Amino acid sequence: MDQELSNPATGRLSVQTVERLHRLLGGDVRVEGMILRFIADKYGAVTLLHLPPNVAKEILKRPADFIQAAKNHCEPELKF
């Protein structure tokens, strides 16, 4: 696991990583709801803390792509 992204004691993402993800992905309540639904459906994660470190790493690289994927997953009938 990437030591920078995860806490070696718990195997989960570090608090700092979750805070970075939240700053990048948060803001709009509707979008945040879509993101939570998307990560639950796709990764079985109930919160950002429970995301696999490799997924978090990719989100940090391209947050807009992740938001787009969440929107497409939750509302495929809309063209975002």
N, C-alpha and C. Protein backbone atom coordinates (compact mmCIF):
# COMPACT_ATOMS: atom_id res chain seq x y z
N MET A 1 0.83 -1.19 0.00
CA MET A 1 0.00 0.00 0.00
C MET A 1 0.87 1.24 0.00
N ASP A 2 0.39 2.25 -0.57
CA ASP A 2 1.09 3.52 -0.62
C ASP A 2 1.05 4.17 0.76
N GLN A 3 2.21 4.29 1.40
CA GLN A 3 2.29 4.82 2.76
C GLN A 3 1.74 6.24 2.86
N GLU A 4 1.93 7.00 1.83
CA GLU A 4 1.46 8.38 1.83
C GLU A 4 -0.06 8.47 1.88
N LEU A 5 -0.73 7.55 1.22
CA LEU A 5 -2.18 7.58 1.13
C LEU A 5 -2.89 6.83 2.24
N SER A 6 -2.25 5.83 2.80
CA SER A 6 -2.94 4.98 3.76
C SER A 6 -2.25 4.97 5.12
N ASN A 7 -3.01 4.54 6.10
CA ASN A 7 -2.51 4.39 7.46
C ASN A 7 -2.09 2.93 7.62
N PRO A 8 -0.80 2.67 7.85
CA PRO A 8 -0.34 1.28 7.94
C PRO A 8 -0.99 0.49 9.09
N ALA A 9 -1.41 1.18 10.13
CA ALA A 9 -2.01 0.49 11.27
C ALA A 9 -3.41 -0.02 10.96
N THR A 10 -4.14 0.71 10.12
CA THR A 10 -5.53 0.32 9.84
C THR A 10 -5.72 -0.27 8.45
N GLY A 11 -4.81 0.05 7.53
CA GLY A 11 -4.96 -0.39 6.15
C GLY A 11 -5.93 0.47 5.37
N ARG A 12 -6.48 1.47 6.01
CA ARG A 12 -7.42 2.38 5.36
C ARG A 12 -6.69 3.66 4.97
N LEU A 13 -7.40 4.48 4.23
CA LEU A 13 -6.82 5.76 3.84
C LEU A 13 -6.51 6.60 5.07
N SER A 14 -5.48 7.41 4.97
CA SER A 14 -5.15 8.31 6.07
C SER A 14 -6.18 9.43 6.12
N VAL A 15 -6.30 10.04 7.27
CA VAL A 15 -7.22 11.16 7.44
C VAL A 15 -6.85 12.29 6.49
N GLN A 16 -5.56 12.53 6.30
CA GLN A 16 -5.11 13.59 5.41
C GLN A 16 -5.57 13.32 3.97
N THR A 17 -5.49 12.08 3.55
CA THR A 17 -5.92 11.72 2.20
C THR A 17 -7.42 11.92 2.04
N VAL A 18 -8.19 11.50 3.03
CA VAL A 18 -9.64 11.67 2.98
C VAL A 18 -9.99 13.16 2.94
N GLU A 19 -9.28 13.97 3.71
CA GLU A 19 -9.53 15.42 3.69
C GLU A 19 -9.21 16.01 2.32
N ARG A 20 -8.13 15.57 1.69
CA ARG A 20 -7.80 16.04 0.34
C ARG A 20 -8.88 15.63 -0.65
N LEU A 21 -9.33 14.39 -0.57
CA LEU A 21 -10.39 13.92 -1.46
C LEU A 21 -11.66 14.74 -1.26
N HIS A 22 -12.00 15.00 -0.02
CA HIS A 22 -13.22 15.75 0.27
C HIS A 22 -13.13 17.18 -0.28
N ARG A 23 -11.99 17.80 -0.16
CA ARG A 23 -11.81 19.16 -0.72
C ARG A 23 -11.96 19.15 -2.23
N LEU A 24 -11.45 18.12 -2.88
CA LEU A 24 -11.53 18.03 -4.34
C LEU A 24 -12.93 17.66 -4.83
N LEU A 25 -13.61 16.80 -4.10
CA LEU A 25 -14.88 16.26 -4.57
C LEU A 25 -16.10 16.92 -3.94
N GLY A 26 -15.91 17.59 -2.82
CA GLY A 26 -17.04 18.14 -2.08
C GLY A 26 -17.48 19.49 -2.60
N GLY A 27 -18.52 19.99 -1.97
CA GLY A 27 -18.99 21.32 -2.31
C GLY A 27 -20.48 21.36 -2.59
N ASP A 28 -20.92 20.59 -3.54
CA ASP A 28 -22.33 20.55 -3.91
C ASP A 28 -22.97 19.31 -3.30
N VAL A 29 -24.02 19.51 -2.54
CA VAL A 29 -24.67 18.40 -1.82
C VAL A 29 -25.14 17.32 -2.79
N ARG A 30 -25.69 17.71 -3.91
CA ARG A 30 -26.20 16.74 -4.89
C ARG A 30 -25.06 15.87 -5.44
N VAL A 31 -23.96 16.51 -5.79
CA VAL A 31 -22.81 15.78 -6.33
C VAL A 31 -22.18 14.90 -5.25
N GLU A 32 -22.09 15.40 -4.03
CA GLU A 32 -21.55 14.58 -2.95
C GLU A 32 -22.38 13.32 -2.75
N GLY A 33 -23.70 13.45 -2.86
CA GLY A 33 -24.58 12.28 -2.76
C GLY A 33 -24.32 11.29 -3.87
N MET A 34 -24.12 11.81 -5.09
CA MET A 34 -23.80 10.93 -6.22
C MET A 34 -22.49 10.20 -6.00
N ILE A 35 -21.50 10.91 -5.48
CA ILE A 35 -20.20 10.30 -5.24
C ILE A 35 -20.31 9.19 -4.20
N LEU A 36 -21.05 9.44 -3.13
CA LEU A 36 -21.22 8.40 -2.10
C LEU A 36 -21.96 7.18 -2.66
N ARG A 37 -22.95 7.43 -3.48
CA ARG A 37 -23.67 6.31 -4.10
C ARG A 37 -22.76 5.54 -5.05
N PHE A 38 -21.98 6.26 -5.83
CA PHE A 38 -21.06 5.65 -6.79
C PHE A 38 -20.01 4.78 -6.10
N ILE A 39 -19.38 5.32 -5.04
CA ILE A 39 -18.34 4.53 -4.38
C ILE A 39 -18.93 3.33 -3.66
N ALA A 40 -20.16 3.45 -3.19
CA ALA A 40 -20.81 2.29 -2.55
C ALA A 40 -21.12 1.22 -3.59
N ASP A 41 -21.66 1.64 -4.74
CA ASP A 41 -22.02 0.68 -5.78
C ASP A 41 -20.79 0.04 -6.42
N LYS A 42 -19.78 0.84 -6.69
CA LYS A 42 -18.63 0.34 -7.44
C LYS A 42 -17.56 -0.32 -6.57
N TYR A 43 -17.33 0.24 -5.37
CA TYR A 43 -16.23 -0.25 -4.54
C TYR A 43 -16.68 -0.83 -3.20
N GLY A 44 -17.96 -0.75 -2.89
CA GLY A 44 -18.45 -1.24 -1.60
C GLY A 44 -18.00 -0.36 -0.44
N ALA A 45 -17.64 0.88 -0.73
CA ALA A 45 -17.14 1.81 0.29
C ALA A 45 -18.29 2.67 0.79
N VAL A 46 -18.47 2.70 2.10
CA VAL A 46 -19.56 3.50 2.67
C VAL A 46 -19.18 4.97 2.82
N THR A 47 -17.88 5.26 2.86
CA THR A 47 -17.38 6.63 2.94
C THR A 47 -16.08 6.71 2.14
N LEU A 48 -15.58 7.92 1.97
CA LEU A 48 -14.28 8.09 1.31
C LEU A 48 -13.17 7.36 2.05
N LEU A 49 -13.28 7.27 3.36
CA LEU A 49 -12.28 6.59 4.18
C LEU A 49 -12.10 5.13 3.78
N HIS A 50 -13.14 4.52 3.27
CA HIS A 50 -13.11 3.10 2.94
C HIS A 50 -12.72 2.78 1.49
N LEU A 51 -12.37 3.81 0.73
CA LEU A 51 -11.92 3.57 -0.66
C LEU A 51 -10.59 2.83 -0.67
N PRO A 52 -10.37 1.98 -1.64
CA PRO A 52 -9.04 1.36 -1.79
C PRO A 52 -8.00 2.45 -2.11
N PRO A 53 -6.81 2.33 -1.56
CA PRO A 53 -5.78 3.35 -1.81
C PRO A 53 -5.47 3.59 -3.29
N ASN A 54 -5.50 2.52 -4.11
CA ASN A 54 -5.21 2.72 -5.53
C ASN A 54 -6.30 3.56 -6.20
N VAL A 55 -7.54 3.44 -5.75
CA VAL A 55 -8.63 4.26 -6.29
C VAL A 55 -8.44 5.71 -5.86
N ALA A 56 -8.12 5.91 -4.58
CA ALA A 56 -7.89 7.27 -4.08
C ALA A 56 -6.76 7.96 -4.85
N LYS A 57 -5.72 7.21 -5.14
CA LYS A 57 -4.59 7.76 -5.87
C LYS A 57 -5.02 8.27 -7.25
N GLU A 58 -5.84 7.49 -7.94
CA GLU A 58 -6.33 7.89 -9.26
C GLU A 58 -7.28 9.09 -9.18
N ILE A 59 -8.11 9.11 -8.14
CA ILE A 59 -9.01 10.26 -7.96
C ILE A 59 -8.21 11.53 -7.75
N LEU A 60 -7.16 11.45 -6.93
CA LEU A 60 -6.33 12.63 -6.67
C LEU A 60 -5.65 13.14 -7.94
N LYS A 61 -5.36 12.25 -8.87
CA LYS A 61 -4.74 12.65 -10.13
C LYS A 61 -5.74 13.36 -11.05
N ARG A 62 -6.98 12.85 -11.08
CA ARG A 62 -7.98 13.36 -12.03
C ARG A 62 -9.37 13.43 -11.39
N PRO A 63 -9.56 14.36 -10.45
CA PRO A 63 -10.85 14.43 -9.74
C PRO A 63 -12.03 14.71 -10.66
N ALA A 64 -11.85 15.52 -11.68
CA ALA A 64 -12.96 15.85 -12.59
C ALA A 64 -13.46 14.60 -13.31
N ASP A 65 -12.56 13.71 -13.69
CA ASP A 65 -12.96 12.46 -14.35
C ASP A 65 -13.78 11.59 -13.40
N PHE A 66 -13.39 11.58 -12.13
CA PHE A 66 -14.11 10.78 -11.15
C PHE A 66 -15.51 11.34 -10.92
N ILE A 67 -15.62 12.65 -10.81
CA ILE A 67 -16.92 13.30 -10.64
C ILE A 67 -17.81 12.99 -11.84
N GLN A 68 -17.24 13.06 -13.03
CA GLN A 68 -17.99 12.75 -14.25
C GLN A 68 -18.48 11.31 -14.24
N ALA A 69 -17.63 10.39 -13.83
CA ALA A 69 -18.01 8.98 -13.76
C ALA A 69 -19.15 8.77 -12.75
N ALA A 70 -19.08 9.47 -11.62
CA ALA A 70 -20.14 9.37 -10.61
C ALA A 70 -21.46 9.90 -11.16
N LYS A 71 -21.41 11.03 -11.85
CA LYS A 71 -22.63 11.60 -12.44
C LYS A 71 -23.20 10.66 -13.50
N ASN A 72 -22.36 10.12 -14.34
CA ASN A 72 -22.82 9.20 -15.39
C ASN A 72 -23.43 7.93 -14.78
N HIS A 73 -22.87 7.47 -13.70
CA HIS A 73 -23.38 6.28 -13.03
C HIS A 73 -24.75 6.54 -12.41
N CYS A 74 -24.89 7.67 -11.76
CA CYS A 74 -26.11 7.97 -11.02
C CYS A 74 -27.25 8.49 -11.89
N GLU A 75 -26.91 9.18 -12.95
CA GLU A 75 -27.93 9.75 -13.82
C GLU A 75 -27.53 9.55 -15.29
N PRO A 76 -27.50 8.28 -15.74
CA PRO A 76 -27.03 8.00 -17.09
C PRO A 76 -27.90 8.61 -18.20
N GLU A 77 -29.13 8.92 -17.86
CA GLU A 77 -30.02 9.49 -18.86
C GLU A 77 -29.69 10.95 -19.18
N LEU A 78 -28.93 11.61 -18.30
CA LEU A 78 -28.55 13.00 -18.52
C LEU A 78 -27.18 13.06 -19.19
N LYS A 79 -27.00 14.01 -20.05
CA LYS A 79 -25.71 14.19 -20.71
C LYS A 79 -24.93 15.29 -19.99
N PHE A 80 -24.04 14.88 -19.10
CA PHE A 80 -23.24 15.86 -18.35
C PHE A 80 -22.05 16.31 -19.16
